[in-house]
N, C-alpha and C. Protein backbone atom coordinates (compact mmCIF):
# COMPACT_ATOMS: atom_id res chain seq x y z
N MET A 1 -27.95 -4.77 -28.83
CA MET A 1 -27.64 -5.76 -29.05
C MET A 1 -26.58 -6.80 -28.19
N MET A 2 -26.79 -7.63 -27.37
CA MET A 2 -26.45 -8.28 -26.49
C MET A 2 -25.07 -9.22 -27.37
N VAL A 3 -24.02 -9.59 -26.69
CA VAL A 3 -22.89 -11.03 -27.79
C VAL A 3 -22.42 -11.44 -26.37
N ARG A 4 -23.03 -12.94 -26.85
CA ARG A 4 -22.06 -14.10 -25.70
C ARG A 4 -21.08 -13.86 -25.54
N THR A 5 -20.72 -13.98 -24.55
CA THR A 5 -18.94 -13.99 -24.09
C THR A 5 -18.83 -14.91 -23.41
N GLN A 6 -17.71 -15.81 -23.13
CA GLN A 6 -17.10 -17.08 -22.05
C GLN A 6 -16.31 -16.48 -21.81
N ILE A 7 -16.40 -16.74 -19.87
CA ILE A 7 -15.41 -16.59 -19.68
C ILE A 7 -14.64 -17.31 -18.60
N SER A 8 -13.56 -17.72 -18.16
CA SER A 8 -13.25 -19.13 -16.85
C SER A 8 -13.28 -17.95 -15.65
N LEU A 9 -12.95 -18.79 -14.77
CA LEU A 9 -12.73 -18.06 -13.31
C LEU A 9 -12.23 -19.13 -12.97
N GLU A 10 -11.70 -19.35 -11.33
CA GLU A 10 -11.16 -20.02 -10.43
C GLU A 10 -12.49 -20.48 -9.42
N ASN A 11 -12.46 -21.57 -9.13
CA ASN A 11 -14.09 -21.54 -8.45
C ASN A 11 -13.82 -20.77 -7.80
N GLU A 12 -13.08 -20.50 -6.29
CA GLU A 12 -13.23 -19.71 -5.19
C GLU A 12 -13.91 -18.14 -6.00
N LEU A 13 -13.02 -17.66 -7.10
CA LEU A 13 -13.12 -16.40 -7.27
C LEU A 13 -15.09 -16.54 -7.99
N GLN A 14 -15.44 -17.42 -8.63
CA GLN A 14 -16.65 -17.98 -9.46
C GLN A 14 -17.65 -17.78 -8.24
N ARG A 15 -17.40 -18.11 -6.84
CA ARG A 15 -18.31 -18.46 -5.58
C ARG A 15 -18.27 -17.29 -5.08
N LYS A 16 -17.14 -16.48 -4.86
CA LYS A 16 -17.79 -15.23 -4.29
C LYS A 16 -18.44 -14.50 -5.21
N ALA A 17 -18.10 -14.33 -6.43
CA ALA A 17 -18.53 -13.45 -7.68
C ALA A 17 -20.17 -13.93 -7.71
N ARG A 18 -20.75 -14.63 -7.56
CA ARG A 18 -22.05 -15.22 -7.67
C ARG A 18 -22.67 -15.09 -6.33
N GLN A 19 -21.76 -14.92 -5.06
CA GLN A 19 -22.86 -14.56 -3.97
C GLN A 19 -22.60 -13.44 -3.85
N ARG A 20 -21.72 -12.37 -4.21
CA ARG A 20 -21.92 -10.60 -3.73
C ARG A 20 -22.94 -10.50 -5.09
N ALA A 21 -23.24 -11.04 -6.40
CA ALA A 21 -24.15 -10.56 -7.30
C ALA A 21 -25.35 -11.08 -6.42
N GLY A 22 -26.09 -12.13 -5.87
CA GLY A 22 -26.77 -12.76 -4.97
C GLY A 22 -27.02 -11.81 -3.69
N GLU A 23 -25.93 -11.29 -3.39
CA GLU A 23 -26.29 -10.27 -2.27
C GLU A 23 -27.19 -8.87 -2.73
N ILE A 24 -26.42 -8.46 -3.73
CA ILE A 24 -27.04 -7.73 -4.60
C ILE A 24 -28.47 -7.85 -5.59
N GLY A 25 -28.84 -9.07 -5.33
CA GLY A 25 -30.02 -8.87 -5.93
C GLY A 25 -29.85 -9.05 -7.65
N ILE A 26 -28.70 -9.47 -8.29
CA ILE A 26 -28.62 -9.87 -9.18
C ILE A 26 -27.84 -10.82 -10.31
N SER A 27 -27.82 -11.37 -11.66
CA SER A 27 -26.95 -12.46 -12.21
C SER A 27 -25.87 -12.36 -12.14
N LEU A 28 -25.34 -13.35 -11.74
CA LEU A 28 -23.76 -12.94 -11.89
C LEU A 28 -23.27 -12.54 -13.72
N ALA A 29 -24.16 -12.98 -14.63
CA ALA A 29 -23.78 -12.31 -15.75
C ALA A 29 -24.04 -10.76 -15.58
N GLU A 30 -24.80 -10.19 -14.88
CA GLU A 30 -25.52 -8.64 -14.89
C GLU A 30 -24.12 -8.24 -13.98
N TYR A 31 -23.90 -8.84 -12.60
CA TYR A 31 -22.39 -8.42 -12.18
C TYR A 31 -21.46 -8.09 -13.10
N VAL A 32 -21.02 -9.31 -13.57
CA VAL A 32 -19.85 -8.86 -14.61
C VAL A 32 -19.80 -7.52 -15.54
N ARG A 33 -21.54 -7.53 -16.10
CA ARG A 33 -21.58 -7.08 -17.23
C ARG A 33 -21.05 -5.69 -16.42
N ARG A 34 -21.94 -4.64 -15.18
CA ARG A 34 -21.24 -3.57 -14.80
C ARG A 34 -19.97 -3.45 -14.03
N LEU A 35 -19.47 -4.44 -13.88
CA LEU A 35 -17.91 -4.67 -12.96
C LEU A 35 -17.34 -3.62 -14.66
N VAL A 36 -17.51 -4.56 -15.91
CA VAL A 36 -16.93 -3.93 -17.11
C VAL A 36 -17.06 -2.58 -17.13
N ALA A 37 -18.62 -2.41 -17.35
CA ALA A 37 -18.85 -0.77 -17.88
C ALA A 37 -18.18 0.07 -16.88
N ASP A 38 -18.68 0.04 -15.87
CA ASP A 38 -18.07 0.94 -14.79
C ASP A 38 -16.50 0.61 -15.03
N ASP A 39 -15.39 0.17 -15.19
CA ASP A 39 -14.10 0.07 -15.52
C ASP A 39 -13.97 0.54 -16.47
N LEU A 40 -14.59 0.50 -17.57
CA LEU A 40 -14.54 1.20 -19.05
C LEU A 40 -14.94 2.82 -18.81
N ALA A 41 -16.02 3.10 -17.71
CA ALA A 41 -16.56 4.52 -18.08
C ALA A 41 -15.50 5.26 -16.83
N HIS A 42 -14.96 4.93 -16.57
CA HIS A 42 -13.92 5.33 -15.41
C HIS A 42 -12.26 5.16 -15.44
N PRO A 43 -11.66 4.97 -16.68
CA PRO A 43 -10.12 4.46 -16.81
C PRO A 43 -9.41 5.43 -15.58
N GLU A 44 -8.41 4.37 -15.46
CA GLU A 44 -7.48 5.23 -14.83
C GLU A 44 -6.56 6.29 -15.43
N PRO A 45 -6.64 7.52 -14.46
CA PRO A 45 -6.09 8.70 -15.25
C PRO A 45 -4.55 8.37 -15.26
N PHE A 46 -3.74 8.73 -16.57
CA PHE A 46 -2.81 8.99 -17.07
C PHE A 46 -1.54 9.82 -16.23
N ALA A 47 -0.99 9.03 -15.40
CA ALA A 47 0.15 9.31 -14.30
C ALA A 47 1.17 10.14 -15.11
N ASP A 48 1.28 11.57 -14.96
CA ASP A 48 2.47 12.36 -15.72
C ASP A 48 3.53 12.24 -14.32
N VAL A 49 4.68 11.27 -14.67
CA VAL A 49 5.37 11.33 -13.54
C VAL A 49 6.56 12.66 -13.57
N GLY A 50 6.29 13.48 -14.42
CA GLY A 50 7.20 14.74 -14.84
C GLY A 50 6.36 15.47 -13.32
N ARG A 51 5.57 14.98 -12.90
CA ARG A 51 4.79 16.17 -11.49
C ARG A 51 5.50 15.63 -11.08
N VAL A 52 6.38 14.55 -10.75
CA VAL A 52 6.92 14.45 -9.11
C VAL A 52 8.46 15.06 -9.05
N PHE A 53 9.08 15.46 -10.66
CA PHE A 53 10.58 15.58 -10.39
C PHE A 53 10.29 17.32 -10.76
N ASP A 54 11.12 17.99 -10.53
CA ASP A 54 11.63 19.63 -10.61
C ASP A 54 10.38 20.32 -10.02
N LEU A 55 10.01 19.71 -9.03
CA LEU A 55 8.86 20.69 -8.18
C LEU A 55 9.65 21.73 -7.56
N GLY A 56 11.00 21.65 -7.18
CA GLY A 56 11.64 22.93 -6.70
C GLY A 56 12.99 22.65 -6.59
N SER A 57 13.52 23.92 -6.35
CA SER A 57 15.08 23.99 -6.61
C SER A 57 15.68 23.45 -5.26
N SER A 58 16.76 22.59 -5.13
CA SER A 58 17.55 21.83 -4.13
C SER A 58 18.83 22.76 -3.52
N GLY A 59 18.66 23.97 -4.49
CA GLY A 59 20.04 24.60 -3.82
C GLY A 59 21.06 24.46 -4.12
N GLY A 60 21.69 23.57 -5.21
CA GLY A 60 22.47 22.95 -5.74
C GLY A 60 22.83 21.84 -4.64
N SER A 61 22.27 21.24 -3.88
CA SER A 61 22.80 20.06 -2.74
C SER A 61 22.56 19.08 -3.87
N ASN A 62 23.64 18.00 -3.33
CA ASN A 62 23.04 16.52 -4.28
C ASN A 62 22.86 15.30 -3.08
N ILE A 63 21.57 15.31 -3.05
CA ILE A 63 21.32 14.23 -2.03
C ILE A 63 21.96 12.75 -2.28
N ALA A 64 21.92 12.18 -3.67
CA ALA A 64 22.58 11.19 -3.31
C ALA A 64 24.33 10.81 -3.22
N ASP A 65 24.87 11.93 -3.24
CA ASP A 65 26.26 12.01 -2.76
C ASP A 65 26.64 11.86 -1.54
N PHE A 66 25.22 12.13 -0.60
CA PHE A 66 25.51 11.96 0.69
C PHE A 66 24.29 11.18 1.83
N LYS A 67 23.92 10.42 0.67
CA LYS A 67 22.39 9.56 1.31
C LYS A 67 23.04 8.88 2.27
N ASP A 68 24.31 7.77 2.06
CA ASP A 68 24.65 6.97 3.37
C ASP A 68 25.14 7.74 4.80
N ASP A 69 25.34 9.23 4.45
CA ASP A 69 25.72 10.01 5.71
C ASP A 69 24.02 10.12 6.45
N LEU A 70 23.32 10.24 5.10
CA LEU A 70 21.99 10.80 5.83
C LEU A 70 21.52 9.92 6.72
N ILE A 71 20.88 8.45 5.79
CA ILE A 71 20.82 7.20 6.69
C ILE A 71 21.53 7.09 7.95
N ALA A 72 22.81 7.01 7.92
CA ALA A 72 23.60 6.83 9.14
C ALA A 72 23.03 7.80 10.33
N GLU A 73 22.95 8.96 10.01
CA GLU A 73 22.56 9.62 10.96
C GLU A 73 20.80 9.68 11.32
N ALA A 74 20.09 9.32 10.66
CA ALA A 74 18.85 8.81 10.82
C ALA A 74 18.56 7.97 11.84
N PHE A 75 19.73 6.80 11.38
CA PHE A 75 19.26 5.89 12.66
C PHE A 75 20.31 6.00 13.76
N ARG A 76 21.09 6.82 14.04
CA ARG A 76 21.90 7.55 15.40
C ARG A 76 20.68 8.47 16.26
N THR A 77 19.95 9.31 15.42
CA THR A 77 19.28 10.11 15.99
C THR A 77 18.32 8.95 16.39
N ALA A 78 17.54 8.06 15.86
CA ALA A 78 16.42 7.27 16.26
C ALA A 78 16.94 6.53 17.54
N ARG A 79 18.27 5.95 17.24
CA ARG A 79 18.88 4.95 18.54
C ARG A 79 19.15 5.95 19.83
N ARG A 80 19.45 7.47 19.60
CA ARG A 80 19.11 8.56 21.00
C ARG A 80 18.08 8.32 21.35
N ARG A 81 16.75 8.60 20.82
CA ARG A 81 15.61 8.93 21.31
C ARG A 81 15.48 7.00 21.95
N VAL A 82 15.56 6.56 21.57
CA VAL A 82 15.13 4.70 22.04
C VAL A 82 16.01 4.98 23.18
N LEU A 83 17.40 5.07 23.48
CA LEU A 83 18.23 5.07 24.82
C LEU A 83 17.62 6.06 26.23
N ARG A 84 17.16 7.60 25.32
CA ARG A 84 16.23 8.16 26.48
C ARG A 84 15.42 7.70 26.61
N ARG A 85 14.57 7.24 26.23
CA ARG A 85 13.00 6.94 26.73
C ARG A 85 13.39 5.26 27.52
N LYS A 86 14.42 4.50 27.75
CA LYS A 86 14.75 3.81 28.13
C LYS A 86 15.49 4.18 29.56
N ALA A 87 16.29 5.15 29.80
CA ALA A 87 16.74 5.39 30.51
C ALA A 87 15.80 6.92 31.76
N SER A 88 14.54 6.83 31.17
CA SER A 88 13.57 7.75 32.16
C SER A 88 13.25 7.21 32.79
């Protein structure tokens, strides 16, 4: 059983959706139904932030304590590379 639903779209979005539906040979309503059905069939996987942390041992270092020094060193290294290229 189908239930009628009304949605509002900005003019440009509605025009592009209607055009895309026409390209694949279906109505705008069918196009929207398919998009909704596909989205519900493939929900975004839950991202476990714990997978990013505790991946290994830092060996006791604390990069946060030295981040400014490490960033400065990266800039110095990049600058030396640029100067060497110009000198070549």
